[in-house]
Amino acid sequence: MGKYFEALTEAGIPFSFIGWNKDGRAVSARPRFHYFARQARLGGGWRNAVALLWWNAHVFWRLVKERKAVSLVHAVDLDAGFAGWLFCRLFRRPLVLDLYDKYTAVRNIRGKAGKALDALERMVARSAALTIIASAERYAQHDLQPGDERVLVLENVPNSDLQPVAPWEANKPWRIGYFGVLESQHRGLEDLLAACTGRSDVQLHVAGYGRLAPAFSAASETASNIHYYGAKESDAGLRLMATMDIVVGLYYLSVPNHRYASPNKYYEHLMLGRPLLTTTGTPPGDRVEHDVSGWAVAEGRQSLVQWLDGLSSQAVTERGHRAAQLWAERYAAYYRTHYRGEYVKRVSRLFKDGRLHER
């Protein structure tokens, strides 16, 4: 949500934030930032259902409590989208539904429950004053119509002044980095660790939190080429990745939603001027192969070993320079033209509509 906060602040549009502090870490006090403190386990699935109900109740209660100051609701995914939709229907406010992911696909919910949730998500998306999706591929996934003026494509392009460390020319041992959630399945991290451990031509640098954190921590104590930094804030993690030769973002197709992946890591590799290692058969895989800004490899440890065996200084360096070139050509001005531009323009119009309903 950071890019939205920055764009709204720059445009002089006041806002408040309601968030869920799922892991219980200390949160800095900020004016107009409110947090729901009930803990929930990452990847807990149906075990988090009760907590999710309480979260929706909290969002709805908070909106009702502050209704005189609420002109518009911007809700992320169905987690907050239903409570936001219900409030907006009752109190005649415009809803912006921001679909980071398809709800059932990312949670692997199938059967009758999956169909019911898909129908609910589709209904909320189609009735929202504005629905935001992360890429044009998502029109089909969310069953939305291309050309619908109430749908806005906003890619996950970072807004950062971070510059790649220069001069840069890749040489062995390759510095390979991953920053993000350490999921135990579907992201290839366990295969990456197994493929890199003990190799004299690789230094693996990992920052993040999640179920595989203990495995990376233990490996860093026994293998001299594995480095684990624990959880880091976004800016610190990106500064670490800026010192790498290659950054990693694998998306195994065992999660159907990865066929529509539009991850931050794709845009971050361009901004950092570092090549991306990702998975074949995914949108970031297709892009890096087409633009020659990284590599798309098949799933599994052996594919990663073969890729490592074939790396050359020239290939790594050239793909990194190509990534930086693509950033300058396509995305360096994206925040200004799309977030600060089109998003703020749409929200400003809806904000005024919402203010009229308050009277």
Foldseek 3Di string as FASTA:
>chain_A
DVLLVVLCVVVVHDDAEEEEPACQDDDDDDPRYHYDDHHDAVLPFCVCVVVLVVSLVVLLVVCVVCVLVDLEEEEEAPSNLVSRLVNCVVLVHAYEYEYAFHVCLQNVDDDPVSVVSLVVRLVSCVPGQAYEYADPVCCVVSVHDPPPPRYHHDHLADDDPDEADPDDFDDFLFEEEEEEEDDPDQWQPVLVCVLPFPDRRYAYEYEHYYDCLVVLVVSVVPGVRRHYDYHDDPVVRLVVVSPGLEYETEGHCVRVRQQADRDNVLNSLLRSLWAYEYAPNGVSQVVCVVQLLYHHFHHGNVRVNVVSVPDDRVSSNVSSNSSPVCCVVPPNCSSVCPSSNPVCVSVVVSSVVSVVSSD
